[in-house]
Amino acid sequence: MGCSLADSACENDEGKPGGKSVDVPAFKIDKYEVSVAEYEACITAGKCQCPKDFQRNKYCNIGVEGRASHPANCVDWQ
């Protein structure tokens, strides 16, 4: 985790150069990205929070007509 030694654009919040080892517990991951339509259904069901949308960030797919099959993006780790 963190910045690689060769990263000339390392930011202060990325940790020490060279990174540090971390243990990651077992997890599951889908084979395919979650679509905007799937993520919006999760929001409607009350199980997911609305991330930034197109109105707040022009690079986000949520809230854009015609992007239901696009991957849901602008979802942070929280």
Protein backbone atom coordinates (compact mmCIF):
# COMPACT_ATOMS: atom_id res chain seq x y z
CA MET A 1 0.00 0.00 0.00
CA GLY A 2 1.26 3.49 -0.77
CA CYS A 3 3.61 5.11 -3.24
CA SER A 4 6.11 3.21 -5.31
CA LEU A 5 9.73 4.31 -5.07
CA ALA A 6 9.71 5.54 -8.68
CA ASP A 7 6.50 7.60 -8.32
CA SER A 8 7.48 11.25 -8.82
CA ALA A 9 3.91 12.40 -8.14
CA CYS A 10 3.57 10.82 -4.69
CA GLU A 11 1.24 12.82 -2.44
CA ASN A 12 1.70 13.25 1.32
CA ASP A 13 -1.40 11.18 2.12
CA GLU A 14 -0.09 8.15 0.19
CA GLY A 15 2.34 7.06 2.88
CA LYS A 16 6.06 6.57 2.79
CA PRO A 17 7.85 5.97 -0.53
CA GLY A 18 8.10 2.25 -1.21
CA GLY A 19 4.82 1.64 0.56
CA LYS A 20 4.11 -0.67 3.45
CA SER A 21 2.80 -4.21 3.71
CA VAL A 22 -0.81 -4.75 4.72
CA ASP A 23 -2.87 -7.88 5.31
CA VAL A 24 -6.15 -8.01 3.41
CA PRO A 25 -8.77 -10.48 4.63
CA ALA A 26 -10.47 -12.80 2.15
CA PHE A 27 -13.17 -11.14 0.04
CA LYS A 28 -15.36 -11.84 -2.96
CA ILE A 29 -15.44 -9.84 -6.16
CA ASP A 30 -17.81 -9.95 -9.11
CA LYS A 31 -16.61 -11.07 -12.50
CA TYR A 32 -18.10 -7.96 -14.11
CA GLU A 33 -18.36 -4.34 -13.05
CA VAL A 34 -21.59 -3.17 -11.41
CA SER A 35 -23.68 -1.22 -13.90
CA VAL A 36 -25.30 2.14 -13.22
CA ALA A 37 -28.73 0.44 -13.37
CA GLU A 38 -27.68 -2.19 -10.80
CA TYR A 39 -26.20 0.41 -8.47
CA GLU A 40 -29.25 2.67 -8.79
CA ALA A 41 -31.44 -0.34 -7.84
CA CYS A 42 -29.26 -0.80 -4.73
CA ILE A 43 -29.74 2.88 -3.86
CA THR A 44 -33.52 2.58 -4.35
CA ALA A 45 -33.56 -0.50 -2.09
CA GLY A 46 -31.83 1.55 0.61
CA LYS A 47 -28.77 -0.70 0.73
CA CYS A 48 -26.33 1.68 -1.00
CA GLN A 49 -25.65 5.38 -0.64
CA CYS A 50 -25.74 7.68 -3.62
CA PRO A 51 -22.20 8.52 -4.70
CA LYS A 52 -21.22 11.64 -6.58
CA ASP A 53 -23.34 11.92 -9.69
CA PHE A 54 -23.02 13.69 -13.02
CA GLN A 55 -24.38 16.94 -11.57
CA ARG A 56 -21.51 17.09 -9.05
CA ASN A 57 -18.80 15.60 -11.26
CA LYS A 58 -18.96 15.47 -15.06
CA TYR A 59 -16.95 12.20 -15.10
CA CYS A 60 -19.55 10.25 -13.08
CA ASN A 61 -21.99 7.92 -14.88
CA ILE A 62 -24.81 7.97 -12.32
CA GLY A 63 -27.53 10.43 -13.27
CA VAL A 64 -26.72 10.50 -16.99
CA GLU A 65 -29.40 9.41 -19.44
CA GLY A 66 -28.24 6.58 -21.69
CA ARG A 67 -25.57 5.25 -19.31
CA ALA A 68 -27.59 2.57 -17.48
CA SER A 69 -25.35 -0.19 -18.84
CA HIS A 70 -22.12 1.73 -18.14
CA PRO A 71 -20.10 0.83 -15.04
CA ALA A 72 -21.05 2.62 -11.84
CA ASN A 73 -18.16 4.91 -10.99
CA CYS A 74 -17.39 7.68 -8.51
CA VAL A 75 -18.17 5.25 -5.67
CA ASP A 76 -15.59 5.63 -2.92
CA TRP A 77 -14.32 2.94 -0.55
CA GLN A 78 -16.58 4.15 2.27
